[in-house]
Protein backbone atom coordinates (compact mmCIF):
# COMPACT_ATOMS: atom_id res chain seq x y z
CA MET A 1 56.64 33.71 41.41
CA ARG A 2 55.42 31.32 38.60
CA THR A 3 55.27 33.48 35.30
CA GLN A 4 56.01 32.76 31.75
CA SER A 5 58.02 35.86 31.30
CA SER A 6 58.89 39.19 32.86
CA HIS A 7 56.91 42.35 32.08
CA GLY A 8 60.00 43.87 30.31
CA PHE A 9 61.84 47.16 31.14
CA LEU A 10 59.82 50.20 32.33
CA PRO A 11 61.11 53.62 33.45
CA LYS A 12 61.68 53.85 37.17
CA LEU A 13 59.07 56.46 37.61
CA PHE A 14 56.51 54.66 35.73
CA ALA A 15 57.37 51.34 37.49
CA LEU A 16 56.79 53.13 40.85
CA CYS A 17 53.50 54.31 39.66
CA ILE A 18 52.56 50.66 38.74
CA VAL A 19 53.64 49.34 42.09
CA THR A 20 51.63 52.13 43.95
CA ALA A 21 48.53 51.31 41.77
CA SER A 22 49.07 47.62 42.72
CA LEU A 23 48.97 48.43 46.40
CA LEU A 24 45.75 50.28 45.88
CA GLY A 25 44.05 47.39 43.89
CA ALA A 26 43.94 49.66 40.72
CA THR A 27 43.99 48.97 36.97
CA HIS A 28 47.60 48.19 35.68
CA SER A 29 48.78 49.00 32.22
CA ASN A 30 48.18 45.24 31.27
CA GLY A 31 44.65 45.05 33.09
CA PRO A 32 43.15 45.06 36.58
CA ARG A 33 44.74 43.41 39.61
CA VAL A 34 43.61 42.92 43.19
CA ASN A 35 45.54 44.31 46.15
CA GLY A 36 47.56 41.13 47.15
CA GLU A 37 48.92 42.60 50.21
CA ARG A 38 45.41 43.52 51.62
CA LEU A 39 44.14 39.97 50.50
CA ASN A 40 46.92 38.10 52.43
CA ALA A 41 46.40 40.37 55.48
CA THR A 42 42.73 39.27 55.71
CA MET A 43 43.74 35.75 55.20
CA GLU A 44 46.09 36.10 58.26
CA LYS A 45 43.11 37.59 60.21
CA MET A 46 40.94 34.48 59.46
CA LYS A 47 43.49 32.26 61.14
CA SER A 48 42.46 33.85 64.49
CA PHE A 49 38.97 32.39 64.41
CA GLY A 50 39.05 28.99 65.85
CA ARG A 51 42.73 28.50 65.77
CA SER A 52 43.62 24.95 67.26
CA GLU A 53 46.29 24.12 69.75
CA SER A 54 48.37 22.56 67.11
CA GLY A 55 48.13 25.58 65.03
CA GLY A 56 45.55 24.62 62.70
CA SER A 57 41.93 25.53 62.38
CA GLY A 58 38.92 24.05 64.41
CA ARG A 59 36.41 26.41 62.83
CA VAL A 60 33.75 23.69 62.29
CA ALA A 61 30.39 24.53 60.91
CA TYR A 62 27.97 26.35 63.28
CA SER A 63 30.55 26.95 65.91
CA PRO A 64 31.06 30.29 67.77
CA ALA A 65 34.34 30.67 65.85
CA ASN A 66 32.37 30.26 62.58
CA ARG A 67 29.84 32.85 63.51
CA ASP A 68 32.53 35.24 64.59
CA ALA A 69 34.40 34.78 61.43
CA LEU A 70 31.12 35.41 59.40
CA ASN A 71 30.68 38.71 61.32
CA TYR A 72 34.02 39.90 60.43
CA LEU A 73 33.49 38.86 56.74
CA ALA A 74 30.17 40.83 56.70
CA SER A 75 32.12 43.89 57.71
CA LEU A 76 34.53 43.44 54.90
CA MET A 77 31.80 43.02 52.36
CA GLN A 78 30.13 46.18 53.70
CA ASP A 79 33.33 48.18 53.34
CA ALA A 80 33.47 46.97 49.66
CA GLY A 81 30.05 48.34 49.08
CA LEU A 82 28.08 44.99 49.26
CA GLN A 83 24.67 44.76 50.84
CA THR A 84 24.68 41.77 53.18
CA HIS A 85 22.26 39.18 54.49
CA VAL A 86 22.13 35.73 55.88
CA ASP A 87 19.88 33.50 54.13
CA PHE A 88 17.67 30.64 55.39
CA ALA A 89 20.54 28.11 55.36
CA GLY A 90 23.04 30.32 57.10
CA ASN A 91 24.96 31.32 54.14
CA LEU A 92 26.34 34.89 54.29
CA VAL A 93 25.45 36.71 50.98
CA GLY A 94 26.88 40.05 49.84
CA ARG A 95 25.42 41.83 46.82
CA LEU A 96 26.68 44.40 44.60
CA ASN A 97 24.10 45.81 42.19
CA GLY A 98 24.90 46.00 38.52
CA LYS A 99 23.97 48.37 35.71
CA HIS A 100 21.31 46.12 34.22
CA ALA A 101 18.43 43.83 35.56
CA LEU A 102 20.41 40.67 34.83
CA PRO A 103 20.73 37.50 36.88
CA PRO A 104 23.76 37.69 39.20
CA LEU A 105 27.29 36.43 38.62
CA MET A 106 28.21 34.61 41.85
CA LEU A 107 31.52 34.04 43.47
CA GLY A 108 31.78 31.78 46.62
CA SER A 109 33.33 29.10 48.84
CA HIS A 110 33.30 28.23 52.46
CA ILE A 111 35.26 29.10 55.65
CA ASP A 112 34.12 26.05 57.83
CA THR A 113 36.87 23.44 58.40
CA VAL A 114 37.15 19.94 59.47
CA PRO A 115 38.31 19.46 63.06
CA ASN A 116 41.93 20.59 63.53
CA GLY A 117 42.08 21.38 59.66
CA GLY A 118 44.11 24.03 57.73
CA HIS A 119 43.75 27.70 56.97
CA TYR A 120 43.40 27.66 53.13
CA ASP A 121 40.77 25.06 52.10
CA GLY A 122 37.67 27.23 51.15
CA ILE A 123 39.06 30.26 52.89
CA VAL A 124 41.16 31.28 49.87
CA GLY A 125 38.12 31.36 47.60
CA VAL A 126 36.22 33.38 50.15
CA MET A 127 38.84 35.93 51.05
CA ALA A 128 39.74 36.39 47.18
CA ALA A 129 36.07 36.86 46.39
CA ILE A 130 35.71 39.62 48.88
CA GLU A 131 38.87 41.23 47.62
CA VAL A 132 37.67 41.10 44.15
CA ALA A 133 34.57 43.01 45.27
CA GLN A 134 36.72 45.49 47.11
CA SER A 135 38.89 45.92 44.05
CA LEU A 136 35.83 46.75 41.91
CA HIS A 137 34.73 49.29 44.55
CA ASP A 138 38.30 50.82 44.62
CA MET A 139 38.24 51.21 40.87
CA GLY A 140 34.76 52.63 40.83
CA LEU A 141 33.78 49.98 38.41
CA VAL A 142 30.09 48.93 38.33
CA PRO A 143 29.63 45.64 36.36
CA ASP A 144 26.64 45.03 34.06
CA HIS A 145 25.40 42.09 36.21
CA PRO A 146 24.81 42.18 39.83
CA VAL A 147 27.71 40.32 41.77
CA GLU A 148 26.96 38.08 44.58
CA VAL A 149 29.69 37.04 47.04
CA VAL A 150 28.49 34.04 48.99
CA VAL A 151 30.09 32.21 52.07
CA TRP A 152 28.53 28.69 52.08
CA SER A 153 27.68 27.19 55.24
CA ASN A 154 28.54 23.53 56.39
CA GLU A 155 30.54 22.57 53.29
CA GLU A 156 32.56 20.16 55.18
CA GLY A 157 29.42 18.53 56.54
CA GLY A 158 27.71 17.87 53.33
CA LYS A 159 27.62 21.12 51.24
CA THR A 160 24.32 21.88 53.14
CA GLY A 161 24.35 25.62 52.43
CA SER A 162 25.00 25.44 48.66
CA ARG A 163 22.61 22.36 48.23
CA SER A 164 19.77 24.49 49.59
CA LEU A 165 20.00 26.51 46.38
CA ASN A 166 19.24 23.58 44.18
CA GLY A 167 16.54 22.29 46.43
CA SER A 168 18.31 18.94 47.37
CA VAL A 169 18.47 19.68 51.15
CA ASP A 170 15.32 17.98 52.67
CA GLU A 171 13.53 19.01 55.84
CA SER A 172 14.47 15.64 57.38
CA GLU A 173 18.13 16.59 57.39
CA MET A 174 17.52 19.42 59.88
CA ALA A 175 17.82 16.85 62.83
CA LEU A 176 21.10 15.45 61.61
CA PRO A 177 24.22 16.02 63.53
CA SER A 178 26.85 18.48 62.27
CA LEU A 179 30.63 18.09 62.83
CA GLY A 180 30.15 20.17 65.94
CA SER A 181 27.70 19.95 68.79
CA LYS A 182 24.62 21.19 66.89
CA SER A 183 22.02 19.73 64.56
CA LEU A 184 21.88 21.13 61.09
CA GLY A 185 18.70 22.94 61.86
CA ASP A 186 20.07 24.46 65.06
CA GLY A 187 23.15 25.40 63.42
CA MET A 188 21.48 27.31 60.66
CA VAL A 189 19.40 29.26 63.33
CA PHE A 190 22.77 29.88 65.31
CA LEU A 191 24.24 31.57 62.13
CA GLY A 192 21.03 33.72 61.74
CA GLY A 193 19.21 31.48 59.26
CA ASP A 194 15.83 29.84 59.60
CA ALA A 195 15.71 26.12 59.13
CA ALA A 196 11.93 25.98 59.06
CA ARG A 197 12.02 27.87 55.73
CA ILE A 198 14.89 26.06 54.21
CA LEU A 199 12.93 24.98 51.05
CA GLU A 200 12.42 28.70 50.35
CA ASN A 201 16.21 29.05 49.73
CA ARG A 202 15.78 27.27 46.42
CA ARG A 203 16.61 29.25 43.23
CA ASP A 204 15.48 28.52 39.66
CA VAL A 205 17.50 27.39 36.85
CA GLY A 206 18.89 30.39 35.11
CA SER A 207 18.35 32.64 38.06
CA ILE A 208 22.18 32.94 38.26
CA ALA A 209 24.18 33.98 35.32
CA ALA A 210 27.37 31.98 36.29
CA TYR A 211 29.36 30.72 39.18
CA LEU A 212 33.05 31.07 39.91
CA GLU A 213 34.93 29.44 42.58
CA LEU A 214 38.61 29.90 43.52
CA HIS A 215 40.04 27.00 45.65
CA VAL A 216 43.35 25.40 46.72
CA GLU A 217 44.09 22.32 44.81
CA GLN A 218 44.28 20.10 47.72
CA GLY A 219 46.54 17.98 45.61
CA ALA A 220 50.24 18.16 44.57
CA LEU A 221 50.10 18.42 40.82
CA LEU A 222 50.31 22.18 40.56
CA ASP A 223 53.10 22.35 43.17
CA GLN A 224 55.15 19.51 41.67
CA ARG A 225 54.92 20.89 38.14
CA ASP A 226 55.59 24.57 39.20
CA LEU A 227 52.23 25.88 37.83
CA SER A 228 50.42 28.89 39.11
CA ILE A 229 46.90 28.08 37.97
CA GLY A 230 44.73 24.97 37.64
CA VAL A 231 41.83 25.43 35.14
CA VAL A 232 39.33 22.89 36.51
CA ASP A 233 37.60 20.67 33.84
CA GLY A 234 35.07 19.19 36.31
CA ILE A 235 34.48 18.00 39.75
CA VAL A 236 34.34 14.21 40.15
CA GLY A 237 31.24 12.25 41.08
CA ILE A 238 31.32 10.15 44.24
CA ARG A 239 29.54 6.92 45.19
CA ARG A 240 29.98 5.06 48.39
CA TRP A 241 28.90 1.64 49.45
CA ASN A 242 28.67 -0.40 52.61
CA VAL A 243 29.99 -3.90 51.84
CA GLN A 244 28.96 -6.94 53.85
CA VAL A 245 30.97 -10.04 53.66
CA ASP A 246 29.34 -13.17 55.38
CA GLY A 247 31.36 -16.22 56.20
CA PHE A 248 31.22 -18.67 59.25
CA ALA A 249 32.68 -17.89 62.66
CA ASN A 250 34.52 -20.94 63.93
CA HIS A 251 37.33 -22.02 66.31
CA ALA A 252 40.66 -20.68 65.18
CA GLY A 253 42.56 -23.69 66.74
CA THR A 254 40.54 -26.60 65.42
CA THR A 255 39.35 -25.57 62.01
CA PRO A 256 41.70 -26.64 59.34
CA MET A 257 43.02 -23.88 56.90
CA ASP A 258 41.14 -25.36 53.94
CA GLN A 259 37.88 -25.63 55.71
CA ARG A 260 37.59 -22.06 56.71
CA GLN A 261 35.05 -19.45 55.62
CA ASP A 262 37.01 -16.46 56.72
CA ALA A 263 35.11 -13.23 56.18
CA LEU A 264 38.05 -11.09 56.98
CA LEU A 265 40.32 -12.93 54.43
CA ALA A 266 37.66 -12.44 51.78
CA ALA A 267 37.49 -8.83 52.57
CA ALA A 268 41.20 -8.50 52.48
CA ALA A 269 41.34 -10.06 49.07
CA PHE A 270 38.55 -7.69 47.90
CA VAL A 271 40.64 -4.60 49.10
CA VAL A 272 43.46 -5.87 46.93
CA ALA A 273 40.82 -6.37 44.03
CA VAL A 274 39.73 -2.78 44.39
CA ARG A 275 43.25 -1.50 43.67
CA GLU A 276 43.88 -3.69 40.94
CA GLU A 277 40.64 -2.78 39.05
CA ALA A 278 41.08 0.79 39.58
CA ILE A 279 44.43 0.88 37.91
CA ALA A 280 43.65 -1.73 35.27
CA ARG A 281 42.34 0.88 32.70
CA PRO A 282 43.49 4.31 31.64
CA GLY A 283 41.87 7.23 33.39
CA ARG A 284 41.66 9.25 36.60
CA GLN A 285 39.25 7.01 38.45
CA VAL A 286 40.18 6.21 42.02
CA ALA A 287 38.60 3.88 44.39
CA THR A 288 39.22 3.45 48.17
CA VAL A 289 38.46 1.19 51.14
CA GLY A 290 38.65 3.44 54.06
CA ARG A 291 36.93 1.47 56.75
CA ILE A 292 36.96 -2.24 57.70
CA HIS A 293 35.55 -4.15 60.71
CA ALA A 294 35.63 -7.81 61.65
CA GLU A 295 33.41 -9.71 63.95
CA PRO A 296 33.39 -11.34 66.44
CA GLY A 297 36.68 -9.71 66.77
CA ALA A 298 38.35 -12.27 69.19
CA PRO A 299 42.05 -13.41 68.30
CA ASN A 300 40.92 -17.15 68.72
CA VAL A 301 37.89 -16.92 66.47
CA ILE A 302 37.85 -16.97 62.64
CA PRO A 303 35.83 -13.86 61.56
CA GLY A 304 32.26 -14.86 60.61
CA ASN A 305 31.39 -11.51 59.07
CA SER A 306 33.21 -8.35 57.97
CA THR A 307 31.93 -4.94 56.94
CA LEU A 308 33.89 -2.38 54.82
CA SER A 309 33.46 0.73 52.89
CA LEU A 310 33.87 1.22 49.17
CA GLU A 311 34.22 4.69 47.48
CA ILE A 312 34.71 5.36 43.68
CA ARG A 313 35.34 8.83 42.28
CA ASP A 314 35.53 9.77 38.61
CA LEU A 315 34.50 12.69 36.36
CA ASP A 316 32.28 10.08 34.39
CA MET A 317 29.43 8.60 36.43
CA ASP A 318 29.09 5.87 33.78
CA SER A 319 32.70 5.01 34.39
CA ILE A 320 31.93 4.70 38.15
CA GLY A 321 29.23 2.33 37.39
CA GLU A 322 31.40 0.21 35.09
CA LEU A 323 34.21 0.02 37.68
CA PHE A 324 31.72 -1.08 40.40
CA ALA A 325 30.29 -3.78 38.13
CA ARG A 326 33.83 -5.14 37.70
CA LEU A 327 34.33 -5.22 41.49
CA GLN A 328 31.10 -7.02 42.01
CA LYS A 329 32.33 -9.64 39.66
CA ARG A 330 35.57 -10.01 41.45
CA ALA A 331 33.66 -10.13 44.72
CA ASN A 332 31.64 -13.11 43.45
CA THR A 333 34.85 -14.85 42.45
CA ILE A 334 36.47 -14.12 45.83
CA GLY A 335 33.11 -15.37 47.51
CA SER A 336 33.15 -18.56 45.55
CA ASP A 337 36.91 -19.23 46.53
CA THR A 338 36.53 -18.67 50.14
CA GLY A 339 33.13 -19.87 50.86
CA THR A 340 31.86 -16.38 51.71
CA HIS A 341 29.07 -14.00 50.32
CA PHE A 342 29.38 -10.39 49.44
CA SER A 343 26.41 -7.95 49.44
CA PHE A 344 26.56 -4.16 48.54
CA GLU A 345 24.39 -1.29 49.74
CA GLN A 346 24.95 2.19 48.22
CA PHE A 347 24.51 4.89 50.86
CA TYR A 348 25.85 8.14 49.20
CA GLU A 349 26.06 9.68 45.88
CA SER A 350 27.38 13.20 44.71
CA PRO A 351 26.96 13.58 40.90
CA ALA A 352 30.00 14.71 38.89
CA ALA A 353 29.68 18.29 37.71
CA LEU A 354 31.62 19.41 34.47
CA THR A 355 32.67 22.82 34.37
CA ASP A 356 31.41 25.03 31.52
CA THR A 357 34.13 24.94 28.76
CA ARG A 358 33.18 28.67 27.77
CA ILE A 359 34.16 29.78 31.39
CA SER A 360 37.21 27.49 31.34
CA ALA A 361 38.43 29.26 28.30
CA LEU A 362 38.01 32.64 29.92
CA ILE A 363 39.90 31.58 32.93
CA ALA A 364 42.79 30.32 30.68
CA ALA A 365 42.75 33.70 28.78
CA SER A 366 42.91 35.47 32.15
CA ALA A 367 45.90 33.46 33.20
CA ASP A 368 47.60 34.07 29.92
CA SER A 369 46.98 37.90 30.25
CA LEU A 370 48.95 37.57 33.57
CA GLN A 371 51.66 35.42 32.07
CA LEU A 372 50.88 32.75 34.53
CA LYS A 373 51.46 28.96 33.69
CA TYR A 374 48.34 26.88 33.95
CA GLU A 375 47.13 23.33 33.20
CA HIS A 376 43.70 21.83 32.87
CA LEU A 377 42.87 19.29 35.51
CA PRO A 378 39.99 17.56 37.22
CA SER A 379 38.97 18.23 41.02
CA GLY A 380 39.17 14.98 42.81
CA ALA A 381 37.48 16.63 45.81
CA GLY A 382 33.89 17.78 46.11
CA HIS A 383 33.14 21.48 46.22
CA ASP A 384 30.00 23.80 46.47
CA ALA A 385 30.28 24.43 42.74
CA GLN A 386 28.79 21.07 42.25
CA SER A 387 25.52 22.20 44.00
CA ILE A 388 25.28 25.34 41.61
CA ALA A 389 26.01 23.41 38.50
CA PRO A 390 22.34 22.33 37.94
CA LEU A 391 21.41 25.94 38.11
CA ALA A 392 24.06 27.83 36.22
CA PRO A 393 27.35 27.50 34.27
CA ILE A 394 30.24 26.94 36.57
CA GLY A 395 34.04 27.54 36.50
CA MET A 396 36.60 26.69 39.00
CA ILE A 397 40.20 28.08 39.52
CA PHE A 398 42.75 26.10 41.50
CA VAL A 399 46.02 27.45 42.97
CA PRO A 400 48.84 25.28 44.37
CA SER A 401 48.82 23.44 47.78
CA ARG A 402 52.18 23.09 49.03
CA ASP A 403 53.22 19.19 48.93
CA GLY A 404 49.31 18.45 48.40
CA VAL A 405 48.63 18.73 52.05
CA SER A 406 45.03 19.53 52.92
CA HIS A 407 42.55 18.96 55.84
CA ALA A 408 45.53 19.32 58.24
CA PRO A 409 47.36 22.15 60.13
CA ALA A 410 50.32 21.84 57.56
CA GLU A 411 48.06 22.94 54.75
CA PHE A 412 49.64 25.93 52.93
CA THR A 413 49.33 28.08 49.85
CA ASP A 414 51.93 30.76 49.12
CA PRO A 415 50.66 34.42 49.42
CA VAL A 416 51.98 35.06 45.80
CA ASP A 417 49.85 32.20 44.49
CA ILE A 418 46.78 33.47 46.47
CA GLY A 419 47.29 36.79 44.83
CA ASN A 420 47.65 35.15 41.42
CA GLY A 421 44.52 33.22 41.88
CA ALA A 422 42.55 36.39 42.92
CA ASP A 423 43.79 38.29 39.88
CA VAL A 424 42.58 35.39 37.66
CA LEU A 425 39.28 35.44 39.42
CA LEU A 426 38.89 39.20 38.94
CA ARG A 427 39.73 39.08 35.31
CA THR A 428 37.61 36.12 34.65
CA LEU A 429 34.65 37.83 36.37
CA LEU A 430 35.04 40.88 34.22
CA LYS A 431 35.16 38.83 30.99
CA LEU A 432 32.04 36.88 32.13
CA ASP A 433 30.25 40.25 32.78
CA LYS A 434 30.19 40.91 29.08
CA GLN A 435 28.72 37.46 28.26
CA ARG A 436 24.95 36.89 27.73
CA TRP A 437 24.88 33.11 27.31
CA SER A 438 23.08 30.84 29.80
CA ILE A 439 23.25 27.24 31.08
CA SER A 440 20.85 26.16 28.27
CA ASP A 441 23.02 27.56 25.36
């Protein structure tokens, strides 16, 4: 267990009382805690919905396994005293009324997976949020704010459920395919939503007091440094381009090497340039070419054109633009040297979302109160919290991923770390409940 120090000596009888209270999810002498045993039992139950032959999870969005799991989660929410409903986008929402007529504090994540994915990505955040609600119920604690626990739909297929709240889901998307066999619109209906009313899901700025999301890191930093908690400073922005390289197809046996306009050679040089430019300056920016294709694709023909993808991620959107500008310049040089021409078409953008520094301070204070070692770090992966950032202050908590494995059956987070993350989530929520600042402050 990753801690800064032990709790010190306690008389045996008092220690026994503390352990008993922990199992019941009650308040400890040093503050409230969740019931970690119960939390990890529900984590185990979730593995049964859509388990793949390799032992991973095939619970893609809008699948029968997805719907069955949501029915299970709805029952857990109701046991915790939450009122549940499925909104127009197919998001499962559980609500606990507060003492006052205030905007809700929102907790959430997702349970849909990539095909043959893991059992922790998104699921940890959902199960911990429900456990937090159950712990509040066990303690008889009614917060000042209402609390909403949301299971977002289709996160892996484009954060459709969470984006519906900020109005960025267009009706034209309803016909697009999901990772499973259904269109987005049909999938929403399958989960109990109403795609025809998707625009009504939008919420106004300030209608949510704050948003918290617990998630596995999906990287190895916390695991390698033996840290219990990551305090997320922000979620990286992402831009993607299709890159077209035009050369001249010609006979591979009769065209001298110094007279070729080889589009694949130019593309290969560009791949090297992407790495060189990404590491040329300090920072956490990353750039990737994940797809490449050459035509005509015959072994005896010099490639006349090549297409490849380019993706750049960083917390600063301006830095993404600057790196892209340097890569365009390198492409022009490569084109001149190889007799080819590069063109770029951007096809995707996910804006960076900085977390609220006030919430980050509360997360760090909560980790301190639990004597858990933590570090500030960015998220290199996208999350539903990005969709809520235009509407409310957001905060994210990371727990370790063993060896940094994610989106694979080997994905694993230790049950102790899951419990620690849920404890931090609970304490941060209670601290937030006493705040009255907003996104515009």
